Amino acid sequence: MNEVKLFFQDRAFGVCYKLGERLHFPIDSIRLFFIYSSFITLGSPIIIYVSLAMMMKIRKYFRKMNNPVLFD
């Protein structure tokens, strides 16, 4: 079970982590909110989660373009 948890944590977008970091709120509570609200509202918070994840990836891409690394 621990291997499954590590698999998903390594490949997750980090949306809940970033929200918790900025709002000074426990990350587990934010994850539970997304899970429970997805069941109650039939998946509409998943759209919010995916859009936040896409915004984070785009920001990371543009930061990488502005600060290229010469020696990879």
C-alpha atoms as a PDB file:
ATOM      1  CA  MET A   1       0.000   0.000   0.000  1.00  0.00           C
ATOM      2  CA  ASN A   2       2.871   2.354   0.739  1.00  0.00           C
ATOM      3  CA  GLU A   3       4.248   1.811  -2.778  1.00  0.00           C
ATOM      4  CA  VAL A   4       0.916   2.860  -4.295  1.00  0.00           C
ATOM      5  CA  LYS A   5       0.861   5.992  -2.160  1.00  0.00           C
ATOM      6  CA  LEU A   6       4.413   6.913  -3.212  1.00  0.00           C
ATOM      7  CA  PHE A   7       3.555   6.242  -6.867  1.00  0.00           C
ATOM      8  CA  PHE A   8       0.696   8.753  -6.825  1.00  0.00           C
ATOM      9  CA  GLN A   9       2.579  11.323  -4.761  1.00  0.00           C
ATOM     10  CA  ASP A  10       5.497  11.309  -7.204  1.00  0.00           C
ATOM     11  CA  ARG A  11       3.230  11.826 -10.197  1.00  0.00           C
ATOM     12  CA  ALA A  12       0.727  14.239  -8.662  1.00  0.00           C
ATOM     13  CA  PHE A  13       0.591  17.825  -9.795  1.00  0.00           C
ATOM     14  CA  GLY A  14       1.011  19.327  -6.332  1.00  0.00           C
ATOM     15  CA  VAL A  15      -2.097  21.495  -6.460  1.00  0.00           C
ATOM     16  CA  CYS A  16      -3.193  20.640  -2.916  1.00  0.00           C
ATOM     17  CA  TYR A  17       0.339  21.168  -1.637  1.00  0.00           C
ATOM     18  CA  LYS A  18       0.597  24.625  -3.205  1.00  0.00           C
ATOM     19  CA  LEU A  19      -2.847  25.651  -1.944  1.00  0.00           C
ATOM     20  CA  GLY A  20      -2.009  24.465   1.557  1.00  0.00           C
ATOM     21  CA  GLU A  21       1.324  26.235   1.469  1.00  0.00           C
ATOM     22  CA  ARG A  22      -0.154  29.562   0.383  1.00  0.00           C
ATOM     23  CA  LEU A  23      -3.225  29.445   2.620  1.00  0.00           C
ATOM     24  CA  HIS A  24      -1.383  27.974   5.636  1.00  0.00           C
ATOM     25  CA  PHE A  25      -3.898  25.138   5.762  1.00  0.00           C
ATOM     26  CA  PRO A  26      -3.284  21.382   6.246  1.00  0.00           C
ATOM     27  CA  ILE A  27      -2.754  19.617   2.943  1.00  0.00           C
ATOM     28  CA  ASP A  28      -4.699  16.529   3.963  1.00  0.00           C
ATOM     29  CA  SER A  29      -7.773  18.655   4.663  1.00  0.00           C
ATOM     30  CA  ILE A  30      -7.601  20.195   1.210  1.00  0.00           C
ATOM     31  CA  ARG A  31      -7.274  16.767  -0.411  1.00  0.00           C
ATOM     32  CA  LEU A  32     -10.250  15.469   1.548  1.00  0.00           C
ATOM     33  CA  PHE A  33     -12.256  18.536   0.511  1.00  0.00           C
ATOM     34  CA  PHE A  34     -11.555  17.829  -3.174  1.00  0.00           C
ATOM     35  CA  ILE A  35     -12.468  14.150  -2.764  1.00  0.00           C
ATOM     36  CA  TYR A  36     -15.699  14.685  -0.813  1.00  0.00           C
ATOM     37  CA  SER A  37     -16.870  17.616  -2.898  1.00  0.00           C
ATOM     38  CA  SER A  38     -16.219  15.601  -6.074  1.00  0.00           C
ATOM     39  CA  PHE A  39     -18.539  12.855  -4.853  1.00  0.00           C
ATOM     40  CA  ILE A  40     -21.219  15.292  -3.713  1.00  0.00           C
ATOM     41  CA  THR A  41     -21.220  17.506  -6.813  1.00  0.00           C
ATOM     42  CA  LEU A  42     -20.566  14.707  -9.313  1.00  0.00           C
ATOM     43  CA  GLY A  43     -17.044  15.778 -10.270  1.00  0.00           C
ATOM     44  CA  SER A  44     -17.142  19.537 -10.756  1.00  0.00           C
ATOM     45  CA  PRO A  45     -14.141  20.187  -8.403  1.00  0.00           C
ATOM     46  CA  ILE A  46     -12.094  17.927 -10.653  1.00  0.00           C
ATOM     47  CA  ILE A  47     -12.394  20.599 -13.345  1.00  0.00           C
ATOM     48  CA  ILE A  48     -11.043  23.193 -10.912  1.00  0.00           C
ATOM     49  CA  TYR A  49      -8.222  20.850  -9.874  1.00  0.00           C
ATOM     50  CA  VAL A  50      -7.197  20.123 -13.462  1.00  0.00           C
ATOM     51  CA  SER A  51      -7.304  23.810 -14.444  1.00  0.00           C
ATOM     52  CA  LEU A  52      -5.114  24.712 -11.442  1.00  0.00           C
ATOM     53  CA  ALA A  53      -2.716  21.914 -12.379  1.00  0.00           C
ATOM     54  CA  MET A  54      -2.519  23.186 -15.952  1.00  0.00           C
ATOM     55  CA  MET A  55      -1.832  26.727 -14.746  1.00  0.00           C
ATOM     56  CA  MET A  56       0.980  25.444 -12.539  1.00  0.00           C
ATOM     57  CA  LYS A  57       2.543  23.508 -15.426  1.00  0.00           C
ATOM     58  CA  ILE A  58       2.316  26.514 -17.755  1.00  0.00           C
ATOM     59  CA  ARG A  59       3.911  28.795 -15.155  1.00  0.00           C
ATOM     60  CA  LYS A  60       6.715  26.262 -14.653  1.00  0.00           C
ATOM     61  CA  TYR A  61       7.239  26.071 -18.417  1.00  0.00           C
ATOM     62  CA  PHE A  62       7.508  29.849 -18.781  1.00  0.00           C
ATOM     63  CA  ARG A  63       9.863  30.118 -15.823  1.00  0.00           C
ATOM     64  CA  LYS A  64      12.085  27.487 -17.406  1.00  0.00           C
ATOM     65  CA  MET A  65      12.094  29.421 -20.686  1.00  0.00           C
ATOM     66  CA  ASN A  66      13.098  32.661 -18.935  1.00  0.00           C
ATOM     67  CA  ASN A  67      15.885  31.007 -16.938  1.00  0.00           C
ATOM     68  CA  PRO A  68      17.539  28.435 -19.204  1.00  0.00           C
ATOM     69  CA  VAL A  69      20.047  26.080 -17.654  1.00  0.00           C
ATOM     70  CA  LEU A  70      23.246  25.752 -19.651  1.00  0.00           C
ATOM     71  CA  PHE A  71      24.499  22.513 -18.135  1.00  0.00           C
ATOM     72  CA  ASP A  72      21.820  19.828 -17.816  1.00  0.00           C
END
